[in-house]
Amino acid sequence: MQGQRIGYVRVSSFDQNPDRQLEQIEVGKVFTDK
């Protein structure tokens, strides 16, 4: 069984866009916190 890679992306305000951070992540599951 292989390990699972989980990503976490955070932006500090609702008008910021997390897409730039998501472009660099190579994981199976991503959680975003706004």
Protein backbone atom coordinates (compact mmCIF):
# COMPACT_ATOMS: atom_id res chain seq x y z
CA MET A 1 0.00 0.00 0.00
CA GLN A 2 1.37 3.41 -0.97
CA GLY A 3 1.11 6.48 1.23
CA GLN A 4 -1.31 9.23 0.40
CA ARG A 5 -0.13 12.80 -0.20
CA ILE A 6 -2.49 15.48 1.07
CA GLY A 7 -2.12 19.19 0.29
CA TYR A 8 -3.29 22.22 2.22
CA VAL A 9 -3.77 25.62 0.56
CA ARG A 10 -4.57 28.75 2.56
CA VAL A 11 -5.43 32.29 1.53
CA SER A 12 -6.00 35.06 4.06
CA SER A 13 -9.02 36.74 2.46
CA PHE A 14 -11.96 35.78 0.27
CA ASP A 15 -10.83 37.94 -2.65
CA GLN A 16 -7.50 36.08 -2.96
CA ASN A 17 -7.27 33.20 -5.41
CA PRO A 18 -5.56 29.92 -4.39
CA ASP A 19 -5.07 28.79 -8.01
CA ARG A 20 -1.37 29.74 -8.11
CA GLN A 21 -0.69 27.52 -5.12
CA LEU A 22 -2.76 24.68 -6.56
CA GLU A 23 -0.75 24.72 -9.81
CA GLN A 24 2.39 23.69 -7.89
CA ILE A 25 0.83 20.89 -5.83
CA GLU A 26 1.00 17.27 -6.97
CA VAL A 27 -1.17 15.46 -4.46
CA GLY A 28 -4.21 13.20 -4.42
CA LYS A 29 -6.39 15.40 -2.18
CA VAL A 30 -6.30 19.14 -1.50
CA PHE A 31 -7.97 21.10 1.30
CA THR A 32 -8.46 24.85 0.85
CA ASP A 33 -8.97 27.26 3.75
CA LYS A 34 -10.29 30.77 3.13
